[in-house]
Amino acid sequence: MTIGGLVAAAVLGAAIGALGRLVVPGRETMPAWLLMAAGVVAAFGGTGLVHLFSLGDGGWNLWEALFQILLSVAAVVLVAAFWPKRTGRDP
């Protein structure tokens, strides 16, 4: 993977993570870097599922976008469930 591919994955991951976060109700408790990481994983996972099921033919694909957003929602829900909640006071 090239540097451009890594940058594109980070940007796409941030966008996919933000879309996943918009779908999940409740307060934001996870940091932005973790949201972006969940989005990057979801973006790669969604692309992998599309290739696994042979649903894509290259270029932009609706199935790929749907899989990426659904995986991002699942990742955000899982991370939010296990990430420590902020209490508003110092330990």
N, C-alpha and C. Protein backbone atom coordinates (compact mmCIF):
# COMPACT_ATOMS: atom_id res chain seq x y z
N MET A 1 0.85 -1.17 0.00
CA MET A 1 0.00 0.00 0.00
C MET A 1 0.90 1.24 0.00
N THR A 2 0.51 2.22 -0.78
CA THR A 2 1.30 3.44 -0.89
C THR A 2 0.92 4.43 0.20
N ILE A 3 1.69 5.51 0.30
CA ILE A 3 1.40 6.56 1.27
C ILE A 3 0.04 7.19 0.96
N GLY A 4 -0.23 7.40 -0.33
CA GLY A 4 -1.52 7.95 -0.72
C GLY A 4 -2.67 7.04 -0.31
N GLY A 5 -2.46 5.75 -0.41
CA GLY A 5 -3.49 4.80 0.02
C GLY A 5 -3.73 4.85 1.51
N LEU A 6 -2.65 5.02 2.28
CA LEU A 6 -2.80 5.13 3.74
C LEU A 6 -3.52 6.41 4.13
N VAL A 7 -3.19 7.51 3.45
CA VAL A 7 -3.86 8.78 3.74
C VAL A 7 -5.33 8.67 3.37
N ALA A 8 -5.62 8.07 2.22
CA ALA A 8 -7.01 7.90 1.81
C ALA A 8 -7.76 7.01 2.80
N ALA A 9 -7.11 5.97 3.32
CA ALA A 9 -7.74 5.10 4.31
C ALA A 9 -8.04 5.86 5.59
N ALA A 10 -7.14 6.74 6.00
CA ALA A 10 -7.36 7.53 7.21
C ALA A 10 -8.52 8.50 7.03
N VAL A 11 -8.56 9.17 5.88
CA VAL A 11 -9.65 10.12 5.61
C VAL A 11 -10.98 9.38 5.50
N LEU A 12 -10.99 8.28 4.74
CA LEU A 12 -12.21 7.49 4.61
C LEU A 12 -12.62 6.92 5.96
N GLY A 13 -11.65 6.49 6.75
CA GLY A 13 -11.95 5.95 8.07
C GLY A 13 -12.58 6.99 8.98
N ALA A 14 -12.09 8.22 8.91
CA ALA A 14 -12.68 9.29 9.71
C ALA A 14 -14.11 9.56 9.29
N ALA A 15 -14.35 9.57 7.98
CA ALA A 15 -15.70 9.81 7.48
C ALA A 15 -16.64 8.66 7.83
N ILE A 16 -16.18 7.43 7.64
CA ILE A 16 -17.01 6.26 7.96
C ILE A 16 -17.26 6.18 9.46
N GLY A 17 -16.24 6.46 10.27
CA GLY A 17 -16.41 6.47 11.72
C GLY A 17 -17.40 7.53 12.17
N ALA A 18 -17.35 8.71 11.54
CA ALA A 18 -18.29 9.77 11.88
C ALA A 18 -19.72 9.38 11.50
N LEU A 19 -19.88 8.74 10.35
CA LEU A 19 -21.22 8.28 9.96
C LEU A 19 -21.73 7.22 10.94
N GLY A 20 -20.84 6.32 11.34
CA GLY A 20 -21.24 5.31 12.32
C GLY A 20 -21.62 5.95 13.65
N ARG A 21 -20.90 6.98 14.05
CA ARG A 21 -21.18 7.67 15.31
C ARG A 21 -22.51 8.41 15.25
N LEU A 22 -22.85 8.96 14.09
CA LEU A 22 -24.12 9.67 13.94
C LEU A 22 -25.32 8.73 14.11
N VAL A 23 -25.15 7.47 13.74
CA VAL A 23 -26.25 6.51 13.83
C VAL A 23 -26.45 6.03 15.26
N VAL A 24 -25.36 5.95 16.03
CA VAL A 24 -25.43 5.43 17.39
C VAL A 24 -25.90 6.54 18.34
N PRO A 25 -26.97 6.31 19.10
CA PRO A 25 -27.46 7.33 20.02
C PRO A 25 -26.58 7.44 21.27
N GLY A 26 -26.72 8.53 21.98
CA GLY A 26 -26.01 8.69 23.25
C GLY A 26 -24.89 9.70 23.14
N ARG A 27 -24.25 9.95 24.29
CA ARG A 27 -23.15 10.92 24.35
C ARG A 27 -21.87 10.33 23.80
N GLU A 28 -21.05 11.22 23.29
CA GLU A 28 -19.73 10.85 22.78
C GLU A 28 -18.79 10.60 23.95
N THR A 29 -18.26 9.39 24.09
CA THR A 29 -17.35 9.08 25.19
C THR A 29 -15.98 8.63 24.70
N MET A 30 -15.84 8.38 23.41
CA MET A 30 -14.56 7.90 22.92
C MET A 30 -13.81 9.03 22.21
N PRO A 31 -12.48 8.99 22.26
CA PRO A 31 -11.70 10.03 21.60
C PRO A 31 -11.78 9.92 20.07
N ALA A 32 -11.45 11.01 19.40
CA ALA A 32 -11.55 11.06 17.94
C ALA A 32 -10.63 10.05 17.27
N TRP A 33 -9.44 9.83 17.85
CA TRP A 33 -8.51 8.89 17.23
C TRP A 33 -9.08 7.47 17.24
N LEU A 34 -9.83 7.12 18.28
CA LEU A 34 -10.41 5.79 18.37
C LEU A 34 -11.58 5.65 17.40
N LEU A 35 -12.33 6.72 17.23
CA LEU A 35 -13.42 6.73 16.26
C LEU A 35 -12.86 6.56 14.85
N MET A 36 -11.75 7.24 14.56
CA MET A 36 -11.12 7.11 13.25
C MET A 36 -10.58 5.70 13.04
N ALA A 37 -9.97 5.13 14.07
CA ALA A 37 -9.45 3.77 13.95
C ALA A 37 -10.57 2.77 13.70
N ALA A 38 -11.69 2.93 14.39
CA ALA A 38 -12.84 2.05 14.15
C ALA A 38 -13.35 2.23 12.73
N GLY A 39 -13.34 3.45 12.23
CA GLY A 39 -13.77 3.70 10.86
C GLY A 39 -12.84 3.09 9.83
N VAL A 40 -11.53 3.16 10.08
CA VAL A 40 -10.57 2.55 9.16
C VAL A 40 -10.77 1.04 9.11
N VAL A 41 -10.92 0.43 10.26
CA VAL A 41 -11.15 -1.03 10.31
C VAL A 41 -12.45 -1.38 9.59
N ALA A 42 -13.50 -0.58 9.80
CA ALA A 42 -14.77 -0.82 9.13
C ALA A 42 -14.66 -0.64 7.62
N ALA A 43 -13.89 0.36 7.19
CA ALA A 43 -13.71 0.59 5.75
C ALA A 43 -13.00 -0.59 5.09
N PHE A 44 -11.93 -1.07 5.72
CA PHE A 44 -11.24 -2.23 5.17
C PHE A 44 -12.12 -3.48 5.23
N GLY A 45 -12.84 -3.65 6.34
CA GLY A 45 -13.72 -4.81 6.48
C GLY A 45 -14.85 -4.81 5.46
N GLY A 46 -15.46 -3.65 5.25
CA GLY A 46 -16.53 -3.56 4.26
C GLY A 46 -16.05 -3.85 2.85
N THR A 47 -14.86 -3.34 2.52
CA THR A 47 -14.28 -3.62 1.21
C THR A 47 -13.97 -5.11 1.08
N GLY A 48 -13.45 -5.69 2.15
CA GLY A 48 -13.16 -7.13 2.12
C GLY A 48 -14.39 -7.98 1.94
N LEU A 49 -15.49 -7.61 2.61
CA LEU A 49 -16.74 -8.36 2.45
C LEU A 49 -17.29 -8.26 1.03
N VAL A 50 -17.19 -7.08 0.43
CA VAL A 50 -17.67 -6.92 -0.94
C VAL A 50 -16.86 -7.80 -1.89
N HIS A 51 -15.55 -7.85 -1.69
CA HIS A 51 -14.72 -8.70 -2.54
C HIS A 51 -14.97 -10.18 -2.25
N LEU A 52 -15.21 -10.51 -1.00
CA LEU A 52 -15.46 -11.90 -0.63
C LEU A 52 -16.73 -12.43 -1.30
N PHE A 53 -17.77 -11.61 -1.32
CA PHE A 53 -19.05 -12.02 -1.91
C PHE A 53 -19.17 -11.63 -3.39
N SER A 54 -18.12 -11.09 -3.97
CA SER A 54 -18.09 -10.68 -5.39
C SER A 54 -19.25 -9.75 -5.74
N LEU A 55 -19.45 -8.73 -4.92
CA LEU A 55 -20.52 -7.78 -5.16
C LEU A 55 -20.05 -6.52 -5.86
N GLY A 56 -18.75 -6.35 -6.01
CA GLY A 56 -18.21 -5.13 -6.60
C GLY A 56 -17.49 -5.41 -7.90
N ASP A 57 -17.45 -4.38 -8.74
CA ASP A 57 -16.74 -4.50 -10.00
C ASP A 57 -15.71 -3.40 -10.17
N GLY A 58 -15.32 -2.78 -9.08
CA GLY A 58 -14.36 -1.68 -9.13
C GLY A 58 -15.08 -0.35 -9.09
N GLY A 59 -14.39 0.67 -8.65
CA GLY A 59 -15.02 1.98 -8.55
C GLY A 59 -15.93 2.07 -7.33
N TRP A 60 -16.79 3.08 -7.32
CA TRP A 60 -17.70 3.26 -6.19
C TRP A 60 -18.79 2.21 -6.25
N ASN A 61 -19.18 1.69 -5.10
CA ASN A 61 -20.15 0.61 -5.04
C ASN A 61 -21.07 0.84 -3.86
N LEU A 62 -22.37 0.76 -4.09
CA LEU A 62 -23.35 0.95 -3.02
C LEU A 62 -23.21 -0.11 -1.94
N TRP A 63 -22.99 -1.36 -2.34
CA TRP A 63 -22.83 -2.43 -1.35
C TRP A 63 -21.64 -2.16 -0.44
N GLU A 64 -20.57 -1.71 -1.03
CA GLU A 64 -19.36 -1.43 -0.24
C GLU A 64 -19.63 -0.33 0.78
N ALA A 65 -20.30 0.74 0.35
CA ALA A 65 -20.62 1.83 1.27
C ALA A 65 -21.54 1.35 2.39
N LEU A 66 -22.53 0.54 2.07
CA LEU A 66 -23.45 0.02 3.09
C LEU A 66 -22.74 -0.88 4.09
N PHE A 67 -21.90 -1.79 3.58
CA PHE A 67 -21.15 -2.66 4.48
C PHE A 67 -20.22 -1.85 5.38
N GLN A 68 -19.57 -0.85 4.83
CA GLN A 68 -18.65 -0.03 5.62
C GLN A 68 -19.39 0.73 6.71
N ILE A 69 -20.53 1.28 6.39
CA ILE A 69 -21.30 2.03 7.40
C ILE A 69 -21.85 1.08 8.47
N LEU A 70 -22.38 -0.07 8.06
CA LEU A 70 -22.89 -1.03 9.05
C LEU A 70 -21.78 -1.54 9.95
N LEU A 71 -20.62 -1.84 9.39
CA LEU A 71 -19.50 -2.28 10.23
C LEU A 71 -19.02 -1.16 11.14
N SER A 72 -19.08 0.07 10.66
CA SER A 72 -18.68 1.20 11.49
C SER A 72 -19.63 1.37 12.67
N VAL A 73 -20.92 1.22 12.42
CA VAL A 73 -21.90 1.30 13.52
C VAL A 73 -21.61 0.21 14.54
N ALA A 74 -21.37 -1.01 14.06
CA ALA A 74 -21.07 -2.12 14.98
C ALA A 74 -19.79 -1.84 15.77
N ALA A 75 -18.77 -1.30 15.10
CA ALA A 75 -17.50 -1.00 15.79
C ALA A 75 -17.70 0.10 16.82
N VAL A 76 -18.45 1.14 16.49
CA VAL A 76 -18.69 2.23 17.43
C VAL A 76 -19.46 1.72 18.64
N VAL A 77 -20.46 0.87 18.42
CA VAL A 77 -21.24 0.31 19.54
C VAL A 77 -20.34 -0.53 20.43
N LEU A 78 -19.50 -1.37 19.84
CA LEU A 78 -18.60 -2.21 20.64
C LEU A 78 -17.59 -1.38 21.41
N VAL A 79 -16.98 -0.42 20.75
CA VAL A 79 -15.98 0.40 21.43
C VAL A 79 -16.63 1.23 22.53
N ALA A 80 -17.81 1.79 22.26
CA ALA A 80 -18.50 2.59 23.27
C ALA A 80 -18.89 1.73 24.48
N ALA A 81 -19.19 0.47 24.25
CA ALA A 81 -19.57 -0.41 25.35
C ALA A 81 -18.38 -0.73 26.26
N PHE A 82 -17.18 -0.82 25.67
CA PHE A 82 -16.02 -1.22 26.44
C PHE A 82 -15.10 -0.06 26.82
N TRP A 83 -15.27 1.11 26.21
CA TRP A 83 -14.42 2.26 26.53
C TRP A 83 -14.87 2.85 27.85
N PRO A 84 -13.95 3.18 28.76
CA PRO A 84 -14.35 3.72 30.06
C PRO A 84 -15.10 5.05 29.90
N LYS A 85 -16.13 5.20 30.70
CA LYS A 85 -16.95 6.42 30.65
C LYS A 85 -16.25 7.54 31.40
N ARG A 86 -16.44 8.76 30.93
CA ARG A 86 -15.91 9.94 31.62
C ARG A 86 -16.82 10.28 32.78
N THR A 87 -16.22 10.56 33.92
CA THR A 87 -17.02 10.88 35.10
C THR A 87 -17.05 12.37 35.38
N GLY A 88 -16.18 13.13 34.73
CA GLY A 88 -16.15 14.57 34.95
C GLY A 88 -15.29 15.01 36.11
N ARG A 89 -14.61 14.08 36.75
CA ARG A 89 -13.71 14.43 37.85
C ARG A 89 -12.40 13.69 37.66
N ASP A 90 -11.35 14.27 38.22
CA ASP A 90 -10.03 13.64 38.11
C ASP A 90 -9.89 12.52 39.12
N PRO A 91 -9.16 11.44 38.73
CA PRO A 91 -8.99 10.33 39.67
C PRO A 91 -8.11 10.66 40.84
